[in-house]
Amino acid sequence: MKAKEFDKKFDDNKTDMLEQLDLSSITRPNQTQKRVNVDFPVWMIELLDREASKLGVTRQSIIKVWLAERLQGTSR
């Protein structure tokens, strides 16, 4: 389907546009994962686990979020 045809269908609201897309090969830029190992002292793991439990998330999730927040703050 050509872009003009796609745009017209979108503008006319006659079709669910997701049905028109091939999502099987979709990727998110700059989101590839790479595993790293980090050693933390026990007291830090305990505090991380306590905070993660309060928020209802995993230890890995809270570490990722906190690191992302810190790194985004330094790039400004």
N, C-alpha and C. Protein backbone atom coordinates (compact mmCIF):
# COMPACT_ATOMS: atom_id res chain seq x y z
N MET A 1 0.85 -1.17 0.00
CA MET A 1 0.00 0.00 0.00
C MET A 1 0.90 1.24 0.00
N LYS A 2 0.57 2.18 -0.82
CA LYS A 2 1.33 3.42 -0.92
C LYS A 2 0.97 4.34 0.24
N ALA A 3 1.87 5.26 0.54
CA ALA A 3 1.69 6.17 1.67
C ALA A 3 0.42 7.01 1.53
N LYS A 4 0.12 7.47 0.31
CA LYS A 4 -1.09 8.28 0.11
C LYS A 4 -2.35 7.49 0.43
N GLU A 5 -2.35 6.23 0.03
CA GLU A 5 -3.49 5.35 0.29
C GLU A 5 -3.65 5.12 1.80
N PHE A 6 -2.52 4.89 2.46
CA PHE A 6 -2.52 4.70 3.92
C PHE A 6 -3.05 5.95 4.62
N ASP A 7 -2.54 7.10 4.22
CA ASP A 7 -2.98 8.38 4.80
C ASP A 7 -4.48 8.59 4.61
N LYS A 8 -4.99 8.27 3.44
CA LYS A 8 -6.41 8.46 3.17
C LYS A 8 -7.26 7.58 4.09
N LYS A 9 -6.87 6.30 4.23
CA LYS A 9 -7.59 5.40 5.13
C LYS A 9 -7.55 5.92 6.56
N PHE A 10 -6.40 6.43 6.95
CA PHE A 10 -6.28 6.99 8.30
C PHE A 10 -7.19 8.20 8.46
N ASP A 11 -7.14 9.09 7.50
CA ASP A 11 -7.96 10.31 7.56
C ASP A 11 -9.45 10.00 7.54
N ASP A 12 -9.85 8.97 6.81
CA ASP A 12 -11.27 8.61 6.71
C ASP A 12 -11.78 7.83 7.92
N ASN A 13 -10.88 7.37 8.77
CA ASN A 13 -11.25 6.59 9.97
C ASN A 13 -12.12 5.39 9.65
N LYS A 14 -11.93 4.79 8.50
CA LYS A 14 -12.77 3.66 8.10
C LYS A 14 -12.13 2.32 8.47
N THR A 15 -10.88 2.32 8.82
CA THR A 15 -10.15 1.08 9.04
C THR A 15 -9.31 1.18 10.30
N ASP A 16 -9.21 0.07 11.04
CA ASP A 16 -8.26 0.00 12.15
C ASP A 16 -6.86 -0.04 11.53
N MET A 17 -6.10 1.00 11.73
CA MET A 17 -4.82 1.12 11.04
C MET A 17 -3.81 0.07 11.48
N LEU A 18 -3.94 -0.47 12.70
CA LEU A 18 -3.01 -1.51 13.13
C LEU A 18 -3.12 -2.74 12.24
N GLU A 19 -4.29 -3.00 11.71
CA GLU A 19 -4.47 -4.14 10.81
C GLU A 19 -3.69 -3.95 9.51
N GLN A 20 -3.35 -2.74 9.19
CA GLN A 20 -2.64 -2.43 7.95
C GLN A 20 -1.11 -2.54 8.10
N LEU A 21 -0.64 -2.74 9.32
CA LEU A 21 0.79 -2.74 9.59
C LEU A 21 1.31 -4.14 9.87
N ASP A 22 2.54 -4.40 9.46
CA ASP A 22 3.21 -5.65 9.78
C ASP A 22 4.05 -5.40 11.03
N LEU A 23 3.56 -5.84 12.18
CA LEU A 23 4.23 -5.58 13.45
C LEU A 23 5.22 -6.68 13.83
N SER A 24 5.39 -7.68 12.97
CA SER A 24 6.26 -8.81 13.30
C SER A 24 7.74 -8.44 13.36
N SER A 25 8.13 -7.39 12.66
CA SER A 25 9.55 -7.02 12.63
C SER A 25 9.81 -5.67 13.30
N ILE A 26 8.88 -5.24 14.12
CA ILE A 26 9.01 -3.95 14.77
C ILE A 26 10.12 -3.98 15.82
N THR A 27 10.90 -2.92 15.90
CA THR A 27 11.95 -2.80 16.91
C THR A 27 11.87 -1.42 17.55
N ARG A 28 12.45 -1.31 18.72
CA ARG A 28 12.50 -0.03 19.42
C ARG A 28 13.93 0.49 19.36
N PRO A 29 14.16 1.63 18.75
CA PRO A 29 15.53 2.16 18.64
C PRO A 29 16.16 2.37 20.01
N ASN A 30 17.42 2.06 20.10
CA ASN A 30 18.21 2.24 21.33
C ASN A 30 17.66 1.46 22.51
N GLN A 31 16.95 0.37 22.26
CA GLN A 31 16.37 -0.42 23.34
C GLN A 31 16.90 -1.85 23.38
N THR A 32 17.95 -2.14 22.62
CA THR A 32 18.50 -3.49 22.69
C THR A 32 19.09 -3.69 24.09
N GLN A 33 19.01 -4.91 24.56
CA GLN A 33 19.43 -5.22 25.92
C GLN A 33 20.82 -5.83 25.92
N LYS A 34 21.57 -5.56 26.96
CA LYS A 34 22.86 -6.20 27.18
C LYS A 34 22.96 -6.52 28.66
N ARG A 35 23.24 -7.76 28.95
CA ARG A 35 23.31 -8.21 30.34
C ARG A 35 24.63 -7.75 30.97
N VAL A 36 24.53 -7.23 32.19
CA VAL A 36 25.70 -6.87 32.97
C VAL A 36 25.52 -7.44 34.38
N ASN A 37 26.63 -7.72 35.01
CA ASN A 37 26.59 -8.21 36.39
C ASN A 37 27.17 -7.14 37.30
N VAL A 38 26.47 -6.87 38.37
CA VAL A 38 26.92 -5.86 39.33
C VAL A 38 26.83 -6.48 40.72
N ASP A 39 27.88 -6.33 41.49
CA ASP A 39 27.88 -6.82 42.87
C ASP A 39 27.51 -5.68 43.80
N PHE A 40 26.50 -5.92 44.66
CA PHE A 40 26.06 -4.94 45.64
C PHE A 40 26.29 -5.51 47.03
N PRO A 41 26.57 -4.64 48.00
CA PRO A 41 26.64 -5.12 49.38
C PRO A 41 25.25 -5.58 49.85
N VAL A 42 25.22 -6.49 50.81
CA VAL A 42 23.97 -7.07 51.29
C VAL A 42 23.01 -5.99 51.78
N TRP A 43 23.52 -4.99 52.50
CA TRP A 43 22.62 -3.95 53.03
C TRP A 43 21.90 -3.22 51.90
N MET A 44 22.59 -3.04 50.77
CA MET A 44 22.00 -2.34 49.64
C MET A 44 20.91 -3.20 48.99
N ILE A 45 21.17 -4.50 48.86
CA ILE A 45 20.17 -5.42 48.31
C ILE A 45 18.93 -5.42 49.19
N GLU A 46 19.12 -5.44 50.50
CA GLU A 46 17.97 -5.45 51.42
C GLU A 46 17.14 -4.19 51.27
N LEU A 47 17.80 -3.04 51.15
CA LEU A 47 17.06 -1.78 50.96
C LEU A 47 16.37 -1.74 49.60
N LEU A 48 17.05 -2.23 48.57
CA LEU A 48 16.43 -2.29 47.25
C LEU A 48 15.20 -3.19 47.26
N ASP A 49 15.32 -4.34 47.90
CA ASP A 49 14.19 -5.27 47.96
C ASP A 49 13.03 -4.68 48.75
N ARG A 50 13.32 -3.98 49.82
CA ARG A 50 12.27 -3.36 50.62
C ARG A 50 11.53 -2.29 49.81
N GLU A 51 12.29 -1.46 49.11
CA GLU A 51 11.67 -0.39 48.30
C GLU A 51 10.90 -0.98 47.13
N ALA A 52 11.46 -2.00 46.50
CA ALA A 52 10.77 -2.65 45.37
C ALA A 52 9.46 -3.28 45.85
N SER A 53 9.49 -3.87 47.02
CA SER A 53 8.28 -4.49 47.57
C SER A 53 7.19 -3.44 47.84
N LYS A 54 7.60 -2.30 48.38
CA LYS A 54 6.64 -1.21 48.62
C LYS A 54 5.96 -0.77 47.33
N LEU A 55 6.75 -0.73 46.25
CA LEU A 55 6.24 -0.26 44.97
C LEU A 55 5.59 -1.37 44.14
N GLY A 56 5.76 -2.61 44.59
CA GLY A 56 5.18 -3.74 43.87
C GLY A 56 5.89 -4.05 42.56
N VAL A 57 7.20 -3.84 42.54
CA VAL A 57 7.99 -4.13 41.34
C VAL A 57 9.16 -5.03 41.73
N THR A 58 9.89 -5.50 40.74
CA THR A 58 11.06 -6.34 41.01
C THR A 58 12.27 -5.47 41.34
N ARG A 59 13.26 -6.11 41.93
CA ARG A 59 14.52 -5.42 42.23
C ARG A 59 15.14 -4.90 40.93
N GLN A 60 15.13 -5.70 39.89
CA GLN A 60 15.71 -5.29 38.61
C GLN A 60 15.00 -4.06 38.06
N SER A 61 13.69 -4.03 38.17
CA SER A 61 12.92 -2.88 37.67
C SER A 61 13.29 -1.60 38.39
N ILE A 62 13.38 -1.67 39.70
CA ILE A 62 13.68 -0.45 40.45
C ILE A 62 15.09 0.04 40.16
N ILE A 63 16.02 -0.89 39.98
CA ILE A 63 17.39 -0.50 39.63
C ILE A 63 17.41 0.19 38.27
N LYS A 64 16.70 -0.38 37.29
CA LYS A 64 16.66 0.21 35.95
C LYS A 64 16.05 1.61 35.98
N VAL A 65 14.94 1.75 36.68
CA VAL A 65 14.26 3.05 36.74
C VAL A 65 15.14 4.08 37.41
N TRP A 66 15.72 3.73 38.54
CA TRP A 66 16.56 4.69 39.26
C TRP A 66 17.80 5.08 38.46
N LEU A 67 18.41 4.11 37.80
CA LEU A 67 19.57 4.43 36.96
C LEU A 67 19.18 5.33 35.79
N ALA A 68 18.06 5.02 35.16
CA ALA A 68 17.60 5.83 34.03
C ALA A 68 17.31 7.26 34.48
N GLU A 69 16.66 7.42 35.63
CA GLU A 69 16.38 8.77 36.14
C GLU A 69 17.67 9.53 36.39
N ARG A 70 18.63 8.86 36.99
CA ARG A 70 19.91 9.51 37.30
C ARG A 70 20.66 9.88 36.02
N LEU A 71 20.69 8.97 35.05
CA LEU A 71 21.41 9.22 33.81
C LEU A 71 20.73 10.33 32.98
N GLN A 72 19.41 10.36 32.98
CA GLN A 72 18.70 11.43 32.26
C GLN A 72 18.94 12.78 32.91
N GLY A 73 19.10 12.79 34.22
CA GLY A 73 19.36 14.04 34.95
C GLY A 73 20.74 14.60 34.64
N THR A 74 21.68 13.74 34.30
CA THR A 74 23.04 14.21 34.02
C THR A 74 23.20 14.72 32.60
N SER A 75 22.27 14.34 31.72
CA SER A 75 22.41 14.75 30.31
C SER A 75 21.78 16.11 30.02
N ARG A 76 21.23 16.73 31.00
CA ARG A 76 20.58 18.02 30.79
C ARG A 76 21.51 19.17 31.00
